[in-house]
N, C-alpha and C. Protein backbone atom coordinates (compact mmCIF):
# COMPACT_ATOMS: atom_id res chain seq x y z
N UNK A 1 83.86 106.50 94.26
CA UNK A 1 83.62 107.67 93.42
C UNK A 1 83.27 107.26 92.11
N UNK A 2 82.35 107.94 91.47
CA UNK A 2 81.99 107.59 90.03
C UNK A 2 83.03 108.25 89.15
N UNK A 3 83.20 107.57 87.97
CA UNK A 3 84.13 108.02 86.93
C UNK A 3 83.52 109.30 86.23
N UNK A 4 82.25 109.46 86.44
CA UNK A 4 81.56 110.56 85.69
C UNK A 4 81.72 111.84 86.33
N UNK A 5 82.64 112.68 85.87
CA UNK A 5 82.87 114.05 86.57
C UNK A 5 83.06 115.14 85.36
N UNK A 6 82.65 116.25 85.92
CA UNK A 6 82.85 117.23 84.85
C UNK A 6 83.84 118.26 85.37
N UNK A 7 84.48 117.97 86.48
CA UNK A 7 85.43 118.88 87.09
C UNK A 7 86.76 118.21 87.33
N UNK A 8 87.78 118.78 86.55
CA UNK A 8 89.29 118.18 86.83
C UNK A 8 89.69 117.99 88.24
N UNK A 9 89.35 119.01 89.01
CA UNK A 9 89.79 118.99 90.38
C UNK A 9 89.12 117.96 91.21
N UNK A 10 88.13 117.40 90.78
CA UNK A 10 87.42 116.40 91.55
C UNK A 10 88.02 114.85 91.36
N UNK A 11 88.92 114.89 90.49
CA UNK A 11 89.51 113.56 90.14
C UNK A 11 90.77 113.30 91.10
N UNK A 12 90.81 112.13 91.77
CA UNK A 12 91.87 111.90 92.68
C UNK A 12 92.82 111.10 91.86
N UNK A 13 93.76 111.60 91.19
CA UNK A 13 94.57 110.94 90.16
C UNK A 13 95.51 109.75 90.89
N UNK A 14 95.73 109.80 92.27
CA UNK A 14 96.42 108.90 93.06
C UNK A 14 95.58 107.55 93.02
N UNK A 15 94.36 107.70 93.10
CA UNK A 15 93.52 106.39 93.23
C UNK A 15 92.96 106.15 91.88
N UNK A 16 93.02 107.00 90.81
CA UNK A 16 92.35 106.74 89.63
C UNK A 16 92.74 105.38 88.87
N UNK A 17 91.87 104.75 88.37
CA UNK A 17 91.87 103.62 87.69
C UNK A 17 91.49 103.63 86.25
N UNK A 18 92.38 103.35 85.32
CA UNK A 18 91.85 103.41 83.94
C UNK A 18 91.01 102.16 83.57
N UNK A 19 90.08 102.30 82.56
CA UNK A 19 89.38 100.98 82.05
C UNK A 19 90.34 100.27 81.21
N UNK A 20 91.24 100.90 80.53
CA UNK A 20 92.11 100.30 79.57
C UNK A 20 93.53 100.86 79.63
N UNK A 21 94.54 100.07 79.20
CA UNK A 21 95.88 100.62 79.06
C UNK A 21 96.25 100.55 77.51
N UNK A 22 96.99 101.58 77.00
CA UNK A 22 97.35 101.60 75.69
C UNK A 22 98.67 102.15 75.45
N UNK A 23 99.04 102.33 74.17
CA UNK A 23 100.35 102.72 73.90
C UNK A 23 100.22 103.72 72.58
N UNK A 24 101.23 104.68 72.51
CA UNK A 24 101.48 105.44 71.37
C UNK A 24 103.02 105.41 70.99
N UNK A 25 103.36 105.33 69.88
CA UNK A 25 104.70 105.25 69.39
C UNK A 25 105.05 106.17 68.18
N UNK A 26 105.99 107.09 68.43
CA UNK A 26 106.34 107.92 67.33
C UNK A 26 107.71 107.70 66.83
N UNK A 27 107.86 107.54 65.45
CA UNK A 27 109.11 107.22 64.90
C UNK A 27 109.53 108.60 64.42
N UNK A 28 110.75 108.97 64.91
CA UNK A 28 111.21 110.36 64.61
C UNK A 28 112.65 110.12 63.93
N UNK A 29 112.96 110.70 62.67
CA UNK A 29 114.13 110.53 61.93
C UNK A 29 114.25 111.78 61.08
N UNK A 30 115.41 112.40 60.98
CA UNK A 30 115.72 113.40 59.97
C UNK A 30 114.64 114.56 60.07
N UNK A 31 114.45 115.03 61.31
CA UNK A 31 113.29 115.95 61.46
C UNK A 31 112.04 115.69 60.91
N UNK A 32 111.75 114.44 60.69
CA UNK A 32 110.39 114.04 60.37
C UNK A 32 109.92 113.08 61.36
N UNK A 33 108.35 113.20 61.55
CA UNK A 33 107.83 112.34 62.51
C UNK A 33 106.64 111.58 61.79
N UNK A 34 106.66 110.19 62.13
CA UNK A 34 105.61 109.46 61.47
C UNK A 34 104.44 109.54 62.18
N UNK A 35 103.44 110.14 61.54
CA UNK A 35 102.10 110.32 62.04
C UNK A 35 101.02 109.60 61.24
N UNK A 36 99.87 109.04 61.75
CA UNK A 36 98.77 108.33 61.02
C UNK A 36 97.57 109.17 61.15
N UNK A 37 96.91 109.06 59.99
CA UNK A 37 95.45 109.37 59.93
C UNK A 37 94.51 108.20 60.26
N UNK A 38 94.03 108.24 61.56
CA UNK A 38 93.26 107.05 62.02
C UNK A 38 92.00 106.76 61.33
N UNK A 39 91.86 105.70 60.94
CA UNK A 39 90.60 105.36 60.09
C UNK A 39 89.46 104.80 61.05
N UNK A 40 89.75 104.21 62.11
CA UNK A 40 88.77 103.61 62.93
C UNK A 40 89.18 103.51 64.46
N UNK A 41 88.18 103.25 65.27
CA UNK A 41 88.50 103.24 66.68
C UNK A 41 88.46 104.50 67.34
N UNK A 42 88.84 104.64 68.72
CA UNK A 42 88.95 105.98 69.50
C UNK A 42 89.78 107.00 68.66
N UNK A 43 89.36 107.96 68.40
CA UNK A 43 89.97 109.04 67.59
C UNK A 43 90.07 108.81 66.16
N UNK A 44 89.07 108.14 65.67
CA UNK A 44 89.00 108.00 64.26
C UNK A 44 88.83 109.31 63.46
N UNK A 45 89.52 109.48 62.43
CA UNK A 45 89.41 110.82 61.69
C UNK A 45 90.44 111.82 62.15
N UNK A 46 91.21 111.49 63.33
CA UNK A 46 92.15 112.48 63.68
C UNK A 46 93.47 111.87 63.29
N UNK A 47 94.54 112.90 63.43
CA UNK A 47 95.95 112.56 63.19
C UNK A 47 96.60 112.22 64.50
N UNK A 48 97.39 111.10 64.60
CA UNK A 48 97.81 110.88 65.74
C UNK A 48 99.22 110.00 65.64
N UNK A 49 99.68 109.37 66.65
CA UNK A 49 100.82 108.45 66.32
C UNK A 49 100.11 107.05 66.34
N UNK A 50 100.79 105.83 65.79
CA UNK A 50 100.24 104.56 65.72
C UNK A 50 100.36 104.14 67.29
N UNK A 51 99.38 103.21 67.57
CA UNK A 51 99.34 102.74 68.85
C UNK A 51 97.98 101.94 69.04
N UNK A 52 97.84 101.52 70.33
CA UNK A 52 96.56 100.83 70.73
C UNK A 52 96.66 100.18 71.99
N UNK A 53 95.83 99.10 72.22
CA UNK A 53 95.55 98.43 73.65
C UNK A 53 96.72 97.52 73.85
N UNK A 54 97.01 97.63 75.06
CA UNK A 54 97.98 96.50 75.51
C UNK A 54 97.24 95.23 75.83
N UNK A 55 97.71 94.15 75.26
CA UNK A 55 97.00 92.87 75.48
C UNK A 55 97.66 92.22 76.68
N UNK A 56 96.94 91.21 77.29
CA UNK A 56 97.28 90.37 78.31
C UNK A 56 98.74 89.84 78.12
N UNK A 57 99.45 89.91 79.17
CA UNK A 57 100.81 89.47 79.03
C UNK A 57 101.93 90.33 78.30
N UNK A 58 101.58 91.29 77.75
CA UNK A 58 102.48 92.17 77.06
C UNK A 58 102.99 93.30 78.02
N UNK A 59 104.13 93.67 77.68
CA UNK A 59 104.73 94.96 78.31
C UNK A 59 104.21 96.03 77.49
N UNK A 60 104.07 97.31 77.84
CA UNK A 60 103.78 98.36 77.11
C UNK A 60 104.72 98.49 75.99
N UNK A 61 106.09 98.40 76.08
CA UNK A 61 106.93 98.39 74.83
C UNK A 61 106.63 97.47 73.88
N UNK A 62 106.40 96.11 74.24
CA UNK A 62 106.02 95.18 73.24
C UNK A 62 104.78 95.42 72.56
N UNK A 63 103.75 95.98 73.33
CA UNK A 63 102.49 96.21 72.72
C UNK A 63 102.66 97.40 71.75
N UNK A 64 103.46 98.42 72.11
CA UNK A 64 103.68 99.66 71.13
C UNK A 64 104.30 99.19 69.87
N UNK A 65 105.43 98.34 69.93
CA UNK A 65 105.95 97.70 68.71
C UNK A 65 105.04 97.09 67.80
N UNK A 66 104.19 96.09 68.55
CA UNK A 66 103.21 95.24 67.86
C UNK A 66 102.23 96.12 67.03
N UNK A 67 101.80 97.13 67.73
CA UNK A 67 100.65 98.07 67.10
C UNK A 67 101.21 98.82 65.93
N UNK A 68 102.59 99.22 66.05
CA UNK A 68 103.12 99.83 64.81
C UNK A 68 103.16 98.82 63.54
N UNK A 69 103.69 97.65 63.93
CA UNK A 69 103.75 96.63 62.95
C UNK A 69 102.29 96.40 62.22
N UNK A 70 101.43 96.24 63.00
CA UNK A 70 100.02 95.99 62.66
C UNK A 70 99.46 97.14 61.83
N UNK A 71 99.63 98.35 62.32
CA UNK A 71 99.05 99.53 61.69
C UNK A 71 99.83 99.90 60.45
N UNK A 72 101.15 99.90 60.54
CA UNK A 72 101.92 100.61 59.38
C UNK A 72 102.80 99.60 58.65
N UNK A 73 102.89 98.28 59.14
CA UNK A 73 103.69 97.25 58.49
C UNK A 73 105.23 97.56 58.48
N UNK A 74 105.60 98.25 59.51
CA UNK A 74 107.07 98.51 59.77
C UNK A 74 107.40 98.15 61.14
N UNK A 75 108.66 97.96 61.41
CA UNK A 75 109.14 97.64 62.84
C UNK A 75 109.87 98.78 63.36
N UNK A 76 109.60 99.36 64.40
CA UNK A 76 110.41 100.37 64.99
C UNK A 76 111.58 100.02 65.61
N UNK A 77 112.58 100.70 65.52
CA UNK A 77 113.94 100.30 66.17
C UNK A 77 114.50 101.51 66.95
N UNK A 78 115.23 101.15 67.80
CA UNK A 78 115.80 102.30 68.85
C UNK A 78 114.60 102.91 69.67
N UNK A 79 113.74 101.95 70.20
CA UNK A 79 112.67 102.37 70.97
C UNK A 79 112.92 102.83 72.43
N UNK A 80 112.45 103.98 72.83
CA UNK A 80 112.75 104.52 74.18
C UNK A 80 111.34 104.95 74.81
N UNK A 81 111.27 104.85 76.07
CA UNK A 81 110.14 105.22 76.90
C UNK A 81 110.10 106.75 77.06
N UNK A 82 109.11 107.59 76.85
CA UNK A 82 108.96 108.95 76.99
C UNK A 82 108.10 109.47 77.92
N UNK A 83 106.95 108.78 78.02
CA UNK A 83 106.06 109.35 79.17
C UNK A 83 104.74 108.43 79.31
N UNK A 84 103.79 109.01 80.17
CA UNK A 84 102.64 108.43 80.58
C UNK A 84 101.53 109.32 80.58
N UNK A 85 100.30 109.17 79.82
CA UNK A 85 99.35 110.06 79.92
C UNK A 85 98.02 109.31 80.28
N UNK A 86 97.41 110.03 81.39
CA UNK A 86 95.96 109.36 81.90
C UNK A 86 94.91 110.31 81.24
N UNK A 87 93.96 109.78 80.56
CA UNK A 87 92.80 110.40 80.02
C UNK A 87 91.54 109.95 80.84
N UNK A 88 90.83 110.90 81.21
CA UNK A 88 89.55 110.56 81.80
C UNK A 88 88.48 111.42 80.84
N UNK A 89 87.44 110.74 80.48
CA UNK A 89 86.40 111.26 79.72
C UNK A 89 85.18 111.46 80.67
N UNK A 90 84.51 112.49 80.43
CA UNK A 90 83.27 112.88 81.11
C UNK A 90 82.23 111.68 81.14
N UNK A 91 82.16 111.01 79.91
CA UNK A 91 81.21 109.87 79.86
C UNK A 91 81.79 108.64 80.64
N UNK A 92 82.84 108.67 81.27
CA UNK A 92 83.15 107.61 82.19
C UNK A 92 84.36 106.67 81.61
N UNK A 93 84.74 106.87 80.26
CA UNK A 93 85.78 106.19 79.78
C UNK A 93 87.07 106.75 80.33
N UNK A 94 88.12 105.81 80.61
CA UNK A 94 89.39 106.27 81.19
C UNK A 94 90.54 105.31 80.45
N UNK A 95 91.58 105.92 80.26
CA UNK A 95 92.52 105.23 79.44
C UNK A 95 94.04 105.77 79.90
N UNK A 96 94.74 104.84 80.19
CA UNK A 96 96.34 105.21 80.49
C UNK A 96 97.14 104.95 79.38
N UNK A 97 97.91 105.65 78.86
CA UNK A 97 98.65 105.55 77.66
C UNK A 97 100.20 105.76 78.07
N UNK A 98 100.97 104.69 77.45
CA UNK A 98 102.41 104.75 77.59
C UNK A 98 102.97 105.21 76.17
N UNK A 99 103.74 106.24 76.38
CA UNK A 99 104.28 106.94 75.16
C UNK A 99 105.70 106.64 74.96
N UNK A 100 105.90 106.24 73.67
CA UNK A 100 107.42 105.82 73.19
C UNK A 100 107.90 106.72 72.00
N UNK A 101 109.08 106.75 71.76
CA UNK A 101 109.68 107.37 70.66
C UNK A 101 110.67 106.23 70.00
N UNK A 102 110.81 106.14 68.60
CA UNK A 102 111.74 105.29 68.11
C UNK A 102 112.59 106.00 67.19
N UNK A 103 113.91 105.75 66.99
CA UNK A 103 114.92 106.45 66.06
C UNK A 103 114.57 106.18 64.67
N UNK A 104 114.10 104.98 64.30
CA UNK A 104 114.02 104.46 62.90
C UNK A 104 112.91 103.43 62.94
N UNK A 105 112.91 102.83 61.69
CA UNK A 105 112.06 101.76 61.41
C UNK A 105 112.64 100.99 60.24
N UNK A 106 112.14 99.62 60.27
CA UNK A 106 112.70 98.73 59.18
C UNK A 106 111.42 98.61 58.23
N UNK A 107 111.58 98.99 56.93
CA UNK A 107 110.45 98.82 56.04
C UNK A 107 110.01 100.23 55.76
N UNK A 108 109.02 100.35 54.74
CA UNK A 108 108.38 101.65 54.52
C UNK A 108 106.90 101.53 54.97
N UNK A 109 106.43 102.52 55.74
CA UNK A 109 105.09 102.49 56.22
C UNK A 109 104.02 102.30 55.09
N UNK A 110 103.20 101.52 55.44
CA UNK A 110 102.09 101.10 54.36
C UNK A 110 100.87 101.57 54.91
N UNK A 111 99.81 101.88 54.09
CA UNK A 111 98.48 102.09 54.61
C UNK A 111 97.64 100.68 54.89
N UNK A 112 97.01 100.72 55.99
CA UNK A 112 96.23 99.46 56.41
C UNK A 112 94.84 99.82 56.66
N UNK A 113 94.02 98.89 56.97
CA UNK A 113 92.52 99.15 57.35
C UNK A 113 92.44 100.21 58.49
N UNK A 114 93.55 100.30 59.32
CA UNK A 114 93.39 101.11 60.55
C UNK A 114 94.03 102.57 60.26
N UNK A 115 95.02 102.71 59.42
CA UNK A 115 95.79 103.87 59.34
C UNK A 115 96.39 104.36 58.10
N UNK A 116 96.47 105.65 57.78
CA UNK A 116 97.17 106.15 56.70
C UNK A 116 98.39 106.89 57.23
N UNK A 117 99.71 106.39 56.72
CA UNK A 117 100.84 106.90 57.40
C UNK A 117 101.26 108.21 56.65
N UNK A 118 101.93 109.11 57.35
CA UNK A 118 102.34 110.44 56.82
C UNK A 118 103.56 110.80 57.55
N UNK A 119 104.83 110.83 56.93
CA UNK A 119 105.96 111.44 57.51
C UNK A 119 105.65 112.96 57.36
N UNK A 120 105.98 113.60 58.64
CA UNK A 120 105.57 114.93 58.66
C UNK A 120 106.73 115.67 59.32
N UNK A 121 107.13 116.86 58.74
CA UNK A 121 108.17 117.61 59.40
C UNK A 121 107.81 118.07 60.73
N UNK A 122 108.73 117.89 61.70
CA UNK A 122 108.41 118.16 63.21
C UNK A 122 108.03 119.64 63.29
N UNK A 123 108.41 120.54 62.47
CA UNK A 123 107.93 121.94 62.40
C UNK A 123 106.52 122.29 61.92
N UNK A 124 106.02 121.13 61.35
CA UNK A 124 104.59 121.22 60.55
C UNK A 124 103.51 120.29 61.18
N UNK A 125 103.64 119.98 62.62
CA UNK A 125 102.76 119.19 63.01
C UNK A 125 101.26 119.51 63.14
N UNK A 126 100.26 118.84 62.50
CA UNK A 126 98.96 119.39 62.34
C UNK A 126 98.08 119.30 63.62
N UNK A 127 98.48 120.03 64.60
CA UNK A 127 97.94 119.91 65.95
C UNK A 127 96.18 120.15 65.76
N UNK A 128 95.74 121.05 64.89
CA UNK A 128 94.47 121.35 64.74
C UNK A 128 93.62 120.03 64.28
N UNK A 129 94.32 119.02 63.77
CA UNK A 129 93.65 117.86 63.35
C UNK A 129 93.99 116.59 64.36
N UNK A 130 94.51 116.96 65.58
CA UNK A 130 94.75 116.07 66.50
C UNK A 130 93.89 116.26 67.90
N UNK A 131 94.13 115.30 68.75
CA UNK A 131 93.60 115.48 70.14
C UNK A 131 93.96 116.81 70.57
N UNK A 132 93.17 117.49 71.52
CA UNK A 132 93.54 118.78 71.89
C UNK A 132 94.80 118.85 72.87
N UNK A 133 94.99 117.65 73.70
CA UNK A 133 95.95 117.57 74.57
C UNK A 133 97.38 117.41 73.80
N UNK A 134 97.45 116.98 72.71
CA UNK A 134 98.70 116.67 71.98
C UNK A 134 99.45 117.78 71.92
N UNK A 135 98.97 118.92 71.55
CA UNK A 135 99.84 120.20 71.44
C UNK A 135 100.57 120.52 72.68
N UNK A 136 100.02 119.93 73.88
CA UNK A 136 100.69 120.31 75.10
C UNK A 136 101.75 119.24 75.49
N UNK A 137 101.60 118.05 75.21
CA UNK A 137 102.84 117.09 75.70
C UNK A 137 103.72 116.64 74.45
N UNK A 138 103.26 116.63 73.11
CA UNK A 138 104.12 116.34 72.05
C UNK A 138 105.26 117.15 71.93
N UNK A 139 105.24 118.45 72.01
CA UNK A 139 106.46 119.14 72.14
C UNK A 139 107.47 118.65 73.11
N UNK A 140 107.08 118.19 74.25
CA UNK A 140 107.95 117.62 75.34
C UNK A 140 108.89 116.30 74.76
N UNK A 141 107.91 115.55 73.96
CA UNK A 141 108.66 114.42 73.47
C UNK A 141 109.52 114.81 72.43
N UNK A 142 109.30 115.75 71.60
CA UNK A 142 110.04 116.16 70.49
C UNK A 142 111.50 116.83 71.17
N UNK A 143 111.32 117.42 72.41
CA UNK A 143 112.47 117.94 72.88
C UNK A 143 113.34 116.84 73.73
N UNK A 144 112.91 115.72 73.67
CA UNK A 144 113.55 114.53 74.32
C UNK A 144 113.34 114.62 75.86
N UNK A 145 112.32 115.17 76.31
CA UNK A 145 111.84 115.19 77.64
C UNK A 145 110.96 114.14 78.13
N UNK A 146 111.11 113.55 79.26
CA UNK A 146 110.06 112.62 79.76
C UNK A 146 108.93 113.36 80.37
N UNK A 147 107.75 112.80 80.27
CA UNK A 147 106.70 113.65 80.79
C UNK A 147 105.47 112.68 81.42
N UNK A 148 104.61 113.34 82.08
CA UNK A 148 103.53 112.71 82.73
C UNK A 148 102.39 113.50 82.68
N UNK A 149 101.23 113.09 82.03
CA UNK A 149 100.05 114.18 81.91
C UNK A 149 98.70 113.48 82.39
N UNK A 150 97.97 114.31 82.86
CA UNK A 150 96.64 113.92 83.31
C UNK A 150 95.60 114.98 82.61
N UNK A 151 94.59 114.33 82.00
CA UNK A 151 93.71 115.08 81.10
C UNK A 151 92.17 114.67 81.30
N UNK A 152 91.34 115.60 81.30
CA UNK A 152 89.85 115.48 81.40
C UNK A 152 89.30 115.95 80.04
N UNK A 153 88.58 115.12 79.46
CA UNK A 153 87.92 115.48 78.15
C UNK A 153 86.29 115.32 78.36
N UNK A 154 85.76 116.27 77.58
CA UNK A 154 84.17 116.12 77.26
C UNK A 154 84.21 116.02 75.89
N UNK A 155 83.91 114.83 75.42
CA UNK A 155 84.00 114.37 73.93
C UNK A 155 85.41 114.63 73.49
N UNK A 156 85.55 115.70 72.49
CA UNK A 156 86.92 116.01 71.89
C UNK A 156 87.28 117.28 72.59
N UNK A 157 86.74 117.74 73.69
CA UNK A 157 87.24 119.07 74.32
C UNK A 157 87.89 118.82 75.47
N UNK A 158 89.17 119.45 75.59
CA UNK A 158 90.02 119.21 76.79
C UNK A 158 89.41 120.40 77.76
N UNK A 159 88.89 119.90 78.98
CA UNK A 159 88.45 120.76 79.95
C UNK A 159 89.29 120.92 81.36
N UNK A 160 90.45 120.22 81.32
CA UNK A 160 91.25 120.25 82.54
C UNK A 160 92.44 119.36 82.36
N UNK A 161 93.72 119.81 82.80
CA UNK A 161 94.84 119.10 82.59
C UNK A 161 96.01 119.45 83.75
N UNK A 162 96.80 118.51 83.87
CA UNK A 162 98.15 118.78 84.68
C UNK A 162 99.20 118.05 83.69
N UNK A 163 100.35 118.67 83.64
CA UNK A 163 101.42 118.22 82.83
C UNK A 163 102.68 118.39 83.48
N UNK A 164 103.63 117.53 83.71
CA UNK A 164 104.74 117.47 84.27
C UNK A 164 105.84 116.89 83.42
N UNK A 165 107.08 117.57 83.48
CA UNK A 165 108.06 117.04 82.62
C UNK A 165 109.43 116.83 83.39
N UNK A 166 110.27 115.96 82.84
CA UNK A 166 111.72 115.58 83.44
C UNK A 166 111.78 115.46 84.87
N UNK A 167 112.32 116.48 85.55
CA UNK A 167 112.65 116.36 86.93
C UNK A 167 111.33 116.12 87.76
N UNK A 168 110.21 116.72 87.39
CA UNK A 168 108.89 116.67 87.88
C UNK A 168 108.35 115.16 87.99
N UNK A 169 108.75 114.24 87.03
CA UNK A 169 107.99 113.23 86.81
C UNK A 169 108.67 112.06 87.48
N UNK A 170 107.82 111.22 87.88
CA UNK A 170 108.20 109.83 88.49
C UNK A 170 107.63 108.75 87.54
N UNK A 171 108.04 108.53 86.70
CA UNK A 171 107.53 107.41 85.58
C UNK A 171 107.52 105.99 86.26
N UNK A 172 106.42 105.39 86.28
CA UNK A 172 106.34 104.09 86.76
C UNK A 172 106.71 103.12 85.56
N UNK A 173 106.09 103.40 84.47
CA UNK A 173 106.35 102.48 83.25
C UNK A 173 105.88 101.10 83.40
N UNK A 174 104.82 100.84 84.23
CA UNK A 174 104.51 99.37 84.56
C UNK A 174 103.45 98.87 83.51
């Protein structure tokens, strides 16, 4: 099957294979969430959490922590696994994302070539500046629920999705 599809229902998520695996990690403390304004790469110009590609030999959690250290010059602490997201793009790009939350971090977030950090009240998350799918799954993370999501995008536009949380999820976290 070609990875080029315009119809969500045409994707067999059981046999779907991503082109790359990546991470997102959200540090949440005192009703604030650490978001970034992404300066380059996939999603440049959008607001998101820090994260990036998993490198050979890394676990998803090791990659998530390394990416936060590289992008914001802080080390997340109290890291826990929250969910998995599968993104298929109409152009053929496909990425599987492991999502983590952290209770705190050591150091103060700094701007780097990749990211501008912003502590944001959890009640004022700028969903209009984020990927369209974020408004669907990020509230689950904030509620402390585990989740699994599958999303089809055409460019920046979400054209189909499935989202499961807690009892419905069977997280592999491989």
